[in-house]
All heavy atoms as atom14 arrays in JSON, in Angstrom:
{
  "sequence": "IRLETDAYYLILKSIQDRTFDIIVSPVHFKEIAAIEDIYERIELTVLL",
  "atom14_mask": [
    [1, 1, 1, 1, 1, 1, 1, 1, 0, 0, 0, 0, 0, 0],
    [1, 1, 1, 1, 1, 1, 1, 1, 1, 1, 1, 0, 0, 0],
    [1, 1, 1, 1, 1, 1, 1, 1, 0, 0, 0, 0, 0, 0],
    [1, 1, 1, 1, 1, 1, 1, 1, 1, 0, 0, 0, 0, 0],
    [1, 1, 1, 1, 1, 1, 1, 0, 0, 0, 0, 0, 0, 0],
    [1, 1, 1, 1, 1, 1, 1, 1, 0, 0, 0, 0, 0, 0],
    [1, 1, 1, 1, 1, 0, 0, 0, 0, 0, 0, 0, 0, 0],
    [1, 1, 1, 1, 1, 1, 1, 1, 1, 1, 1, 1, 0, 0],
    [1, 1, 1, 1, 1, 1, 1, 1, 1, 1, 1, 1, 0, 0],
    [1, 1, 1, 1, 1, 1, 1, 1, 0, 0, 0, 0, 0, 0],
    [1, 1, 1, 1, 1, 1, 1, 1, 0, 0, 0, 0, 0, 0],
    [1, 1, 1, 1, 1, 1, 1, 1, 0, 0, 0, 0, 0, 0],
    [1, 1, 1, 1, 1, 1, 1, 1, 1, 0, 0, 0, 0, 0],
    [1, 1, 1, 1, 1, 1, 0, 0, 0, 0, 0, 0, 0, 0],
    [1, 1, 1, 1, 1, 1, 1, 1, 0, 0, 0, 0, 0, 0],
    [1, 1, 1, 1, 1, 1, 1, 1, 1, 0, 0, 0, 0, 0],
    [1, 1, 1, 1, 1, 1, 1, 1, 0, 0, 0, 0, 0, 0],
    [1, 1, 1, 1, 1, 1, 1, 1, 1, 1, 1, 0, 0, 0],
    [1, 1, 1, 1, 1, 1, 1, 0, 0, 0, 0, 0, 0, 0],
    [1, 1, 1, 1, 1, 1, 1, 1, 1, 1, 1, 0, 0, 0],
    [1, 1, 1, 1, 1, 1, 1, 1, 0, 0, 0, 0, 0, 0],
    [1, 1, 1, 1, 1, 1, 1, 1, 0, 0, 0, 0, 0, 0],
    [1, 1, 1, 1, 1, 1, 1, 1, 0, 0, 0, 0, 0, 0],
    [1, 1, 1, 1, 1, 1, 1, 0, 0, 0, 0, 0, 0, 0],
    [1, 1, 1, 1, 1, 1, 0, 0, 0, 0, 0, 0, 0, 0],
    [1, 1, 1, 1, 1, 1, 1, 0, 0, 0, 0, 0, 0, 0],
    [1, 1, 1, 1, 1, 1, 1, 0, 0, 0, 0, 0, 0, 0],
    [1, 1, 1, 1, 1, 1, 1, 1, 1, 1, 0, 0, 0, 0],
    [1, 1, 1, 1, 1, 1, 1, 1, 1, 1, 1, 0, 0, 0],
    [1, 1, 1, 1, 1, 1, 1, 1, 1, 0, 0, 0, 0, 0],
    [1, 1, 1, 1, 1, 1, 1, 1, 1, 0, 0, 0, 0, 0],
    [1, 1, 1, 1, 1, 1, 1, 1, 0, 0, 0, 0, 0, 0],
    [1, 1, 1, 1, 1, 0, 0, 0, 0, 0, 0, 0, 0, 0],
    [1, 1, 1, 1, 1, 0, 0, 0, 0, 0, 0, 0, 0, 0],
    [1, 1, 1, 1, 1, 1, 1, 1, 0, 0, 0, 0, 0, 0],
    [1, 1, 1, 1, 1, 1, 1, 1, 1, 0, 0, 0, 0, 0],
    [1, 1, 1, 1, 1, 1, 1, 1, 0, 0, 0, 0, 0, 0],
    [1, 1, 1, 1, 1, 1, 1, 1, 0, 0, 0, 0, 0, 0],
    [1, 1, 1, 1, 1, 1, 1, 1, 1, 1, 1, 1, 0, 0],
    [1, 1, 1, 1, 1, 1, 1, 1, 1, 0, 0, 0, 0, 0],
    [1, 1, 1, 1, 1, 1, 1, 1, 1, 1, 1, 0, 0, 0],
    [1, 1, 1, 1, 1, 1, 1, 1, 0, 0, 0, 0, 0, 0],
    [1, 1, 1, 1, 1, 1, 1, 1, 1, 0, 0, 0, 0, 0],
    [1, 1, 1, 1, 1, 1, 1, 1, 0, 0, 0, 0, 0, 0],
    [1, 1, 1, 1, 1, 1, 1, 0, 0, 0, 0, 0, 0, 0],
    [1, 1, 1, 1, 1, 1, 1, 0, 0, 0, 0, 0, 0, 0],
    [1, 1, 1, 1, 1, 1, 1, 1, 0, 0, 0, 0, 0, 0],
    [1, 1, 1, 1, 1, 1, 1, 1, 0, 0, 0, 0, 0, 0]
  ],
  "atom14_positions": [
    [[-12.17, 4.77, 10.29], [-10.88, 4.16, 9.97], [-11.06, 2.68, 9.65], [-10.45, 2.16, 8.71], [-9.88, 4.4, 11.12], [-9.53, 5.89, 11.17], [-8.62, 3.55, 10.94], [-8.71, 6.31, 12.35], [0.0, 0.0, 0.0], [0.0, 0.0, 0.0], [0.0, 0.0, 0.0], [0.0, 0.0, 0.0], [0.0, 0.0, 0.0], [0.0, 0.0, 0.0]],
    [[-11.93, 2.0, 10.4], [-12.19, 0.59, 10.11], [-12.82, 0.42, 8.73], [-12.46, -0.5, 7.98], [-13.08, -0.03, 11.18], [-12.34, -0.34, 12.46], [-13.07, -1.33, 13.36], [-14.48, -1.08, 13.54], [-15.01, -0.33, 14.5], [-14.24, 0.25, 15.39], [-16.31, -0.19, 14.6], [0.0, 0.0, 0.0], [0.0, 0.0, 0.0], [0.0, 0.0, 0.0]],
    [[-13.77, 1.29, 8.38], [-14.41, 1.2, 7.07], [-13.4, 1.45, 5.95], [-13.39, 0.74, 4.93], [-15.56, 2.21, 6.97], [-16.81, 1.9, 7.77], [-17.77, 3.08, 7.74], [-17.48, 0.63, 7.27], [0.0, 0.0, 0.0], [0.0, 0.0, 0.0], [0.0, 0.0, 0.0], [0.0, 0.0, 0.0], [0.0, 0.0, 0.0], [0.0, 0.0, 0.0]],
    [[-12.54, 2.46, 6.14], [-11.53, 2.74, 5.12], [-10.5, 1.62, 5.03], [-10.02, 1.32, 3.93], [-10.86, 4.08, 5.41], [-11.8, 5.25, 5.14], [-11.26, 6.59, 5.58], [-10.27, 6.65, 6.34], [-11.85, 7.6, 5.16], [0.0, 0.0, 0.0], [0.0, 0.0, 0.0], [0.0, 0.0, 0.0], [0.0, 0.0, 0.0], [0.0, 0.0, 0.0]],
    [[-10.21, 0.98, 6.14], [-9.29, -0.16, 6.13], [-9.92, -1.33, 5.38], [-9.27, -1.96, 4.54], [-8.92, -0.58, 7.57], [-8.25, 0.52, 8.21], [-8.02, -1.8, 7.58], [0.0, 0.0, 0.0], [0.0, 0.0, 0.0], [0.0, 0.0, 0.0], [0.0, 0.0, 0.0], [0.0, 0.0, 0.0], [0.0, 0.0, 0.0], [0.0, 0.0, 0.0]],
    [[-11.19, -1.6, 5.65], [-11.89, -2.67, 4.91], [-11.91, -2.36, 3.41], [-11.69, -3.25, 2.59], [-13.31, -2.84, 5.43], [-13.37, -3.51, 6.79], [-12.34, -4.06, 7.25], [-14.45, -3.47, 7.43], [0.0, 0.0, 0.0], [0.0, 0.0, 0.0], [0.0, 0.0, 0.0], [0.0, 0.0, 0.0], [0.0, 0.0, 0.0], [0.0, 0.0, 0.0]],
    [[-12.17, -1.11, 3.08], [-12.19, -0.71, 1.67], [-10.8, -0.9, 1.04], [-10.68, -1.38, -0.08], [-12.64, 0.75, 1.54], [0.0, 0.0, 0.0], [0.0, 0.0, 0.0], [0.0, 0.0, 0.0], [0.0, 0.0, 0.0], [0.0, 0.0, 0.0], [0.0, 0.0, 0.0], [0.0, 0.0, 0.0], [0.0, 0.0, 0.0], [0.0, 0.0, 0.0]],
    [[-9.77, -0.52, 1.79], [-8.4, -0.71, 1.31], [-8.15, -2.19, 0.98], [-7.58, -2.51, -0.06], [-7.4, -0.21, 2.35], [-6.0, -0.69, 2.11], [-5.18, -0.06, 1.17], [-5.5, -1.79, 2.79], [-3.9, -0.52, 0.93], [-4.21, -2.25, 2.56], [-3.43, -1.62, 1.63], [-2.16, -2.07, 1.38], [0.0, 0.0, 0.0], [0.0, 0.0, 0.0]],
    [[-8.57, -3.08, 1.86], [-8.36, -4.5, 1.62], [-9.15, -5.01, 0.41], [-8.68, -5.88, -0.33], [-8.64, -5.34, 2.86], [-7.53, -5.26, 3.88], [-7.77, -4.84, 5.18], [-6.22, -5.61, 3.54], [-6.74, -4.76, 6.12], [-5.19, -5.53, 4.46], [-5.46, -5.11, 5.74], [-4.43, -5.04, 6.66], [0.0, 0.0, 0.0], [0.0, 0.0, 0.0]],
    [[-10.33, -4.47, 0.17], [-11.08, -4.83, -1.04], [-10.33, -4.35, -2.29], [-10.26, -5.07, -3.29], [-12.48, -4.21, -1.01], [-13.49, -4.83, -0.05], [-14.76, -3.99, -0.01], [-13.8, -6.26, -0.45], [0.0, 0.0, 0.0], [0.0, 0.0, 0.0], [0.0, 0.0, 0.0], [0.0, 0.0, 0.0], [0.0, 0.0, 0.0], [0.0, 0.0, 0.0]],
    [[-9.79, -3.14, -2.22], [-9.01, -2.61, -3.34], [-7.76, -3.46, -3.55], [-7.44, -3.82, -4.69], [-8.66, -1.13, -3.09], [-9.94, -0.27, -3.1], [-7.66, -0.63, -4.14], [-9.75, 1.13, -2.54], [0.0, 0.0, 0.0], [0.0, 0.0, 0.0], [0.0, 0.0, 0.0], [0.0, 0.0, 0.0], [0.0, 0.0, 0.0], [0.0, 0.0, 0.0]],
    [[-7.07, -3.79, -2.47], [-5.86, -4.61, -2.58], [-6.18, -5.97, -3.21], [-5.44, -6.45, -4.07], [-5.22, -4.79, -1.2], [-3.95, -5.63, -1.16], [-2.86, -5.04, -2.05], [-3.46, -5.76, 0.29], [0.0, 0.0, 0.0], [0.0, 0.0, 0.0], [0.0, 0.0, 0.0], [0.0, 0.0, 0.0], [0.0, 0.0, 0.0], [0.0, 0.0, 0.0]],
    [[-7.27, -6.58, -2.81], [-7.67, -7.87, -3.4], [-7.9, -7.72, -4.9], [-7.49, -8.58, -5.7], [-8.95, -8.38, -2.72], [-9.56, -9.62, -3.34], [-9.03, -10.87, -2.72], [-9.77, -12.11, -3.15], [-9.43, -12.6, -4.47], [0.0, 0.0, 0.0], [0.0, 0.0, 0.0], [0.0, 0.0, 0.0], [0.0, 0.0, 0.0], [0.0, 0.0, 0.0]],
    [[-8.52, -6.62, -5.3], [-8.75, -6.37, -6.72], [-7.44, -6.14, -7.47], [-7.32, -6.51, -8.64], [-9.69, -5.17, -6.91], [-10.97, -5.48, -6.4], [0.0, 0.0, 0.0], [0.0, 0.0, 0.0], [0.0, 0.0, 0.0], [0.0, 0.0, 0.0], [0.0, 0.0, 0.0], [0.0, 0.0, 0.0], [0.0, 0.0, 0.0], [0.0, 0.0, 0.0]],
    [[-6.48, -5.54, -6.81], [-5.15, -5.35, -7.42], [-4.48, -6.72, -7.58], [-3.93, -7.03, -8.63], [-4.29, -4.41, -6.55], [-4.85, -2.98, -6.62], [-2.82, -4.44, -7.0], [-4.3, -2.06, -5.56], [0.0, 0.0, 0.0], [0.0, 0.0, 0.0], [0.0, 0.0, 0.0], [0.0, 0.0, 0.0], [0.0, 0.0, 0.0], [0.0, 0.0, 0.0]],
    [[-4.57, -7.54, -6.54], [-3.97, -8.87, -6.59], [-4.64, -9.74, -7.66], [-3.98, -10.57, -8.3], [-4.05, -9.54, -5.23], [-3.16, -8.87, -4.2], [-3.45, -9.32, -2.78], [-4.56, -9.74, -2.44], [-2.45, -9.2, -1.92], [0.0, 0.0, 0.0], [0.0, 0.0, 0.0], [0.0, 0.0, 0.0], [0.0, 0.0, 0.0], [0.0, 0.0, 0.0]],
    [[-5.94, -9.54, -7.85], [-6.69, -10.28, -8.88], [-6.52, -9.67, -10.27], [-7.14, -10.13, -11.22], [-8.18, -10.32, -8.53], [-8.46, -11.16, -7.31], [-7.6, -11.97, -6.89], [-9.58, -11.01, -6.74], [0.0, 0.0, 0.0], [0.0, 0.0, 0.0], [0.0, 0.0, 0.0], [0.0, 0.0, 0.0], [0.0, 0.0, 0.0], [0.0, 0.0, 0.0]],
    [[-5.74, -8.6, -10.36], [-5.45, -7.91, -11.62], [-6.67, -7.24, -12.24], [-6.78, -7.11, -13.46], [-4.77, -8.84, -12.6], [-3.53, -9.52, -12.01], [-2.4, -9.54, -12.99], [-1.25, -10.24, -12.44], [-0.29, -9.66, -11.73], [-0.36, -8.4, -11.46], [0.74, -10.37, -11.29], [0.0, 0.0, 0.0], [0.0, 0.0, 0.0], [0.0, 0.0, 0.0]],
    [[-7.6, -6.82, -11.39], [-8.74, -6.02, -11.85], [-8.3, -4.58, -12.06], [-8.79, -3.9, -12.96], [-9.89, -6.08, -10.82], [-10.24, -7.45, -10.6], [-11.11, -5.31, -11.29], [0.0, 0.0, 0.0], [0.0, 0.0, 0.0], [0.0, 0.0, 0.0], [0.0, 0.0, 0.0], [0.0, 0.0, 0.0], [0.0, 0.0, 0.0], [0.0, 0.0, 0.0]],
    [[-7.39, -4.12, -11.2], [-6.85, -2.77, -11.28], [-5.33, -2.85, -11.26], [-4.76, -3.75, -10.67], [-7.3, -1.91, -10.09], [-8.77, -1.79, -9.93], [-9.42, -2.4, -8.87], [-9.53, -1.05, -10.83], [-10.78, -2.29, -8.71], [-10.89, -0.94, -10.68], [-11.53, -1.56, -9.62], [0.0, 0.0, 0.0], [0.0, 0.0, 0.0], [0.0, 0.0, 0.0]],
    [[-4.71, -1.86, -11.88], [-3.27, -1.65, -11.75], [-3.06, -0.55, -10.72], [-3.73, 0.49, -10.78], [-2.64, -1.2, -13.07], [-2.35, -2.35, -14.01], [-2.22, -3.5, -13.54], [-2.25, -2.09, -15.22], [0.0, 0.0, 0.0], [0.0, 0.0, 0.0], [0.0, 0.0, 0.0], [0.0, 0.0, 0.0], [0.0, 0.0, 0.0], [0.0, 0.0, 0.0]],
    [[-2.14, -0.75, -9.79], [-1.78, 0.3, -8.85], [-0.54, 1.01, -9.39], [0.47, 0.37, -9.68], [-1.57, -0.23, -7.41], [-1.23, 0.93, -6.47], [-0.53, -1.31, -7.37], [-1.17, 0.55, -5.01], [0.0, 0.0, 0.0], [0.0, 0.0, 0.0], [0.0, 0.0, 0.0], [0.0, 0.0, 0.0], [0.0, 0.0, 0.0], [0.0, 0.0, 0.0]],
    [[-0.65, 2.3, -9.55], [0.44, 3.12, -10.05], [1.27, 3.6, -8.87], [0.71, 4.07, -7.87], [-0.11, 4.33, -10.85], [-1.01, 3.86, -12.0], [1.02, 5.22, -11.33], [-0.33, 2.97, -13.02], [0.0, 0.0, 0.0], [0.0, 0.0, 0.0], [0.0, 0.0, 0.0], [0.0, 0.0, 0.0], [0.0, 0.0, 0.0], [0.0, 0.0, 0.0]],
    [[2.57, 3.48, -8.98], [3.46, 3.96, -7.92], [4.42, 4.98, -8.49], [4.76, 4.95, -9.67], [4.23, 2.81, -7.22], [3.27, 1.85, -6.55], [5.14, 2.1, -8.17], [0.0, 0.0, 0.0], [0.0, 0.0, 0.0], [0.0, 0.0, 0.0], [0.0, 0.0, 0.0], [0.0, 0.0, 0.0], [0.0, 0.0, 0.0], [0.0, 0.0, 0.0]],
    [[4.85, 5.87, -7.62], [5.77, 6.93, -8.03], [6.92, 7.02, -7.04], [6.85, 6.44, -5.94], [5.03, 8.26, -8.07], [4.76, 8.71, -6.76], [0.0, 0.0, 0.0], [0.0, 0.0, 0.0], [0.0, 0.0, 0.0], [0.0, 0.0, 0.0], [0.0, 0.0, 0.0], [0.0, 0.0, 0.0], [0.0, 0.0, 0.0], [0.0, 0.0, 0.0]],
    [[7.95, 7.75, -7.38], [9.04, 7.96, -6.43], [8.58, 8.62, -5.13], [9.18, 8.43, -4.08], [10.0, 8.88, -7.18], [9.7, 8.67, -8.62], [8.24, 8.35, -8.69], [0.0, 0.0, 0.0], [0.0, 0.0, 0.0], [0.0, 0.0, 0.0], [0.0, 0.0, 0.0], [0.0, 0.0, 0.0], [0.0, 0.0, 0.0], [0.0, 0.0, 0.0]],
    [[7.48, 9.36, -5.19], [6.95, 10.02, -3.99], [6.51, 8.98, -2.96], [6.72, 9.15, -1.76], [5.77, 10.96, -4.35], [5.33, 11.75, -3.13], [6.14, 11.88, -5.48], [0.0, 0.0, 0.0], [0.0, 0.0, 0.0], [0.0, 0.0, 0.0], [0.0, 0.0, 0.0], [0.0, 0.0, 0.0], [0.0, 0.0, 0.0], [0.0, 0.0, 0.0]],
    [[5.91, 7.89, -3.42], [5.52, 6.81, -2.51], [6.73, 6.33, -1.7], [6.69, 6.26, -0.48], [4.96, 5.61, -3.28], [3.57, 5.77, -3.76], [3.29, 5.96, -5.1], [2.38, 5.75, -3.12], [1.98, 6.06, -5.24], [1.4, 5.93, -4.05], [0.0, 0.0, 0.0], [0.0, 0.0, 0.0], [0.0, 0.0, 0.0], [0.0, 0.0, 0.0]],
    [[7.79, 6.01, -2.42], [8.96, 5.42, -1.76], [9.66, 6.43, -0.84], [10.16, 6.05, 0.21], [9.91, 4.84, -2.81], [9.32, 3.66, -3.52], [8.78, 3.81, -4.79], [9.26, 2.42, -2.91], [8.2, 2.72, -5.44], [8.69, 1.33, -3.55], [8.15, 1.48, -4.82], [0.0, 0.0, 0.0], [0.0, 0.0, 0.0], [0.0, 0.0, 0.0]],
    [[9.65, 7.69, -1.22], [10.24, 8.74, -0.39], [9.45, 8.88, 0.92], [10.04, 8.93, 2.0], [10.25, 10.06, -1.17], [10.82, 11.22, -0.44], [12.27, 11.36, -0.77], [12.76, 12.69, -0.24], [14.17, 12.69, -0.01], [0.0, 0.0, 0.0], [0.0, 0.0, 0.0], [0.0, 0.0, 0.0], [0.0, 0.0, 0.0], [0.0, 0.0, 0.0]],
    [[8.13, 8.93, 0.82], [7.3, 9.06, 2.02], [7.39, 7.81, 2.89], [7.48, 7.91, 4.12], [5.84, 9.29, 1.63], [5.44, 10.73, 1.56], [3.95, 10.91, 1.48], [3.42, 10.9, 0.35], [3.32, 11.04, 2.55], [0.0, 0.0, 0.0], [0.0, 0.0, 0.0], [0.0, 0.0, 0.0], [0.0, 0.0, 0.0], [0.0, 0.0, 0.0]],
    [[7.35, 6.66, 2.28], [7.38, 5.4, 3.04], [8.72, 5.24, 3.74], [8.78, 4.73, 4.86], [7.03, 4.21, 2.13], [5.54, 4.28, 1.77], [7.39, 2.89, 2.78], [5.11, 3.32, 0.68], [0.0, 0.0, 0.0], [0.0, 0.0, 0.0], [0.0, 0.0, 0.0], [0.0, 0.0, 0.0], [0.0, 0.0, 0.0], [0.0, 0.0, 0.0]],
    [[9.8, 5.69, 3.13], [11.12, 5.61, 3.76], [11.18, 6.38, 5.07], [12.0, 6.08, 5.94], [12.19, 6.11, 2.79], [0.0, 0.0, 0.0], [0.0, 0.0, 0.0], [0.0, 0.0, 0.0], [0.0, 0.0, 0.0], [0.0, 0.0, 0.0], [0.0, 0.0, 0.0], [0.0, 0.0, 0.0], [0.0, 0.0, 0.0], [0.0, 0.0, 0.0]],
    [[10.31, 7.36, 5.24], [10.3, 8.18, 6.45], [9.42, 7.6, 7.57], [9.4, 8.14, 8.68], [9.83, 9.59, 6.12], [0.0, 0.0, 0.0], [0.0, 0.0, 0.0], [0.0, 0.0, 0.0], [0.0, 0.0, 0.0], [0.0, 0.0, 0.0], [0.0, 0.0, 0.0], [0.0, 0.0, 0.0], [0.0, 0.0, 0.0], [0.0, 0.0, 0.0]],
    [[8.73, 6.51, 7.3], [7.87, 5.89, 8.33], [8.76, 5.25, 9.39], [9.66, 4.48, 9.07], [6.92, 4.85, 7.69], [5.92, 5.56, 6.76], [6.2, 4.05, 8.76], [5.05, 4.62, 5.95], [0.0, 0.0, 0.0], [0.0, 0.0, 0.0], [0.0, 0.0, 0.0], [0.0, 0.0, 0.0], [0.0, 0.0, 0.0], [0.0, 0.0, 0.0]],
    [[8.5, 5.58, 10.63], [9.34, 5.1, 11.73], [9.18, 3.61, 12.0], [10.15, 2.92, 12.29], [9.05, 5.9, 13.0], [9.58, 7.31, 12.94], [9.41, 8.05, 14.26], [9.33, 7.4, 15.32], [9.37, 9.28, 14.2], [0.0, 0.0, 0.0], [0.0, 0.0, 0.0], [0.0, 0.0, 0.0], [0.0, 0.0, 0.0], [0.0, 0.0, 0.0]],
    [[7.96, 3.1, 11.93], [7.7, 1.7, 12.22], [8.29, 0.84, 11.11], [7.83, 0.86, 9.97], [6.19, 1.47, 12.33], [5.84, 0.05, 12.72], [6.3, -0.89, 12.04], [5.09, -0.13, 13.7], [0.0, 0.0, 0.0], [0.0, 0.0, 0.0], [0.0, 0.0, 0.0], [0.0, 0.0, 0.0], [0.0, 0.0, 0.0], [0.0, 0.0, 0.0]],
    [[9.33, 0.07, 11.45], [10.05, -0.7, 10.44], [9.16, -1.76, 9.78], [9.25, -1.99, 8.57], [11.34, -1.32, 11.0], [12.19, -1.86, 9.86], [11.05, -2.38, 12.03], [13.62, -2.12, 10.24], [0.0, 0.0, 0.0], [0.0, 0.0, 0.0], [0.0, 0.0, 0.0], [0.0, 0.0, 0.0], [0.0, 0.0, 0.0], [0.0, 0.0, 0.0]],
    [[8.28, -2.39, 10.55], [7.38, -3.4, 10.0], [6.47, -2.77, 8.95], [6.31, -3.3, 7.85], [6.55, -4.05, 11.12], [5.49, -4.96, 10.61], [5.8, -6.23, 10.12], [4.15, -4.58, 10.6], [4.82, -7.08, 9.63], [3.17, -5.42, 10.12], [3.5, -6.66, 9.64], [2.53, -7.5, 9.15], [0.0, 0.0, 0.0], [0.0, 0.0, 0.0]],
    [[5.89, -1.64, 9.28], [5.01, -0.93, 8.35], [5.78, -0.51, 7.1], [5.31, -0.7, 5.96], [4.41, 0.3, 9.05], [3.45, 1.1, 8.21], [2.82, 2.26, 8.98], [3.1, 2.42, 10.2], [2.07, 3.01, 8.36], [0.0, 0.0, 0.0], [0.0, 0.0, 0.0], [0.0, 0.0, 0.0], [0.0, 0.0, 0.0], [0.0, 0.0, 0.0]],
    [[6.96, 0.04, 7.3], [7.79, 0.5, 6.18], [8.13, -0.65, 5.24], [7.99, -0.54, 4.01], [9.05, 1.16, 6.73], [9.88, 1.86, 5.68], [11.0, 2.69, 6.28], [11.95, 1.88, 7.02], [12.25, 2.04, 8.31], [11.69, 2.97, 9.03], [13.14, 1.26, 8.89], [0.0, 0.0, 0.0], [0.0, 0.0, 0.0], [0.0, 0.0, 0.0]],
    [[8.55, -1.77, 5.79], [8.92, -2.93, 4.96], [7.7, -3.49, 4.24], [7.75, -3.79, 3.04], [9.62, -4.01, 5.81], [11.0, -3.51, 6.23], [9.72, -5.33, 5.05], [11.69, -4.38, 7.26], [0.0, 0.0, 0.0], [0.0, 0.0, 0.0], [0.0, 0.0, 0.0], [0.0, 0.0, 0.0], [0.0, 0.0, 0.0], [0.0, 0.0, 0.0]],
    [[6.59, -3.64, 4.96], [5.4, -4.22, 4.35], [4.9, -3.36, 3.17], [4.56, -3.89, 2.11], [4.28, -4.37, 5.38], [3.11, -5.15, 4.83], [2.13, -5.61, 5.89], [2.56, -6.12, 6.93], [0.93, -5.46, 5.64], [0.0, 0.0, 0.0], [0.0, 0.0, 0.0], [0.0, 0.0, 0.0], [0.0, 0.0, 0.0], [0.0, 0.0, 0.0]],
    [[4.9, -2.06, 3.35], [4.45, -1.18, 2.26], [5.42, -1.19, 1.08], [4.99, -1.21, -0.08], [4.25, 0.25, 2.78], [3.12, 0.43, 3.78], [3.08, 1.85, 4.3], [1.78, 0.02, 3.18], [0.0, 0.0, 0.0], [0.0, 0.0, 0.0], [0.0, 0.0, 0.0], [0.0, 0.0, 0.0], [0.0, 0.0, 0.0], [0.0, 0.0, 0.0]],
    [[6.69, -1.22, 1.36], [7.69, -1.27, 0.28], [7.55, -2.55, -0.52], [7.57, -2.53, -1.75], [9.11, -1.11, 0.86], [9.19, 0.13, 1.57], [10.16, -1.14, -0.24], [0.0, 0.0, 0.0], [0.0, 0.0, 0.0], [0.0, 0.0, 0.0], [0.0, 0.0, 0.0], [0.0, 0.0, 0.0], [0.0, 0.0, 0.0], [0.0, 0.0, 0.0]],
    [[7.41, -3.68, 0.17], [7.24, -4.97, -0.51], [5.96, -4.96, -1.35], [5.96, -5.39, -2.51], [7.24, -6.13, 0.51], [6.77, -7.43, -0.12], [8.62, -6.3, 1.12], [0.0, 0.0, 0.0], [0.0, 0.0, 0.0], [0.0, 0.0, 0.0], [0.0, 0.0, 0.0], [0.0, 0.0, 0.0], [0.0, 0.0, 0.0], [0.0, 0.0, 0.0]],
    [[4.89, -4.44, -0.79], [3.61, -4.37, -1.5], [3.74, -3.57, -2.8], [3.34, -4.03, -3.87], [2.55, -3.74, -0.6], [1.22, -3.45, -1.28], [0.38, -4.71, -1.31], [0.49, -2.35, -0.56], [0.0, 0.0, 0.0], [0.0, 0.0, 0.0], [0.0, 0.0, 0.0], [0.0, 0.0, 0.0], [0.0, 0.0, 0.0], [0.0, 0.0, 0.0]],
    [[4.35, -2.38, -2.7], [4.49, -1.54, -3.89], [5.45, -2.15, -4.91], [5.21, -2.05, -6.12], [4.93, -0.14, -3.5], [3.92, 0.68, -2.7], [4.46, 2.07, -2.41], [2.57, 0.75, -3.4], [0.0, 0.0, 0.0], [0.0, 0.0, 0.0], [0.0, 0.0, 0.0], [0.0, 0.0, 0.0], [0.0, 0.0, 0.0], [0.0, 0.0, 0.0]]
  ]
}
């Protein structure tokens, strides 16, 4: 989990640096809306 988290942050940095485009769909927002932790839900929604 730590390795995948580190990898996620490397990918996120590349997205922020515009090396990659992250594609989002309505499925993302539907699934994220069901997350109970409000902090997690808000952070992911803002990110997407």
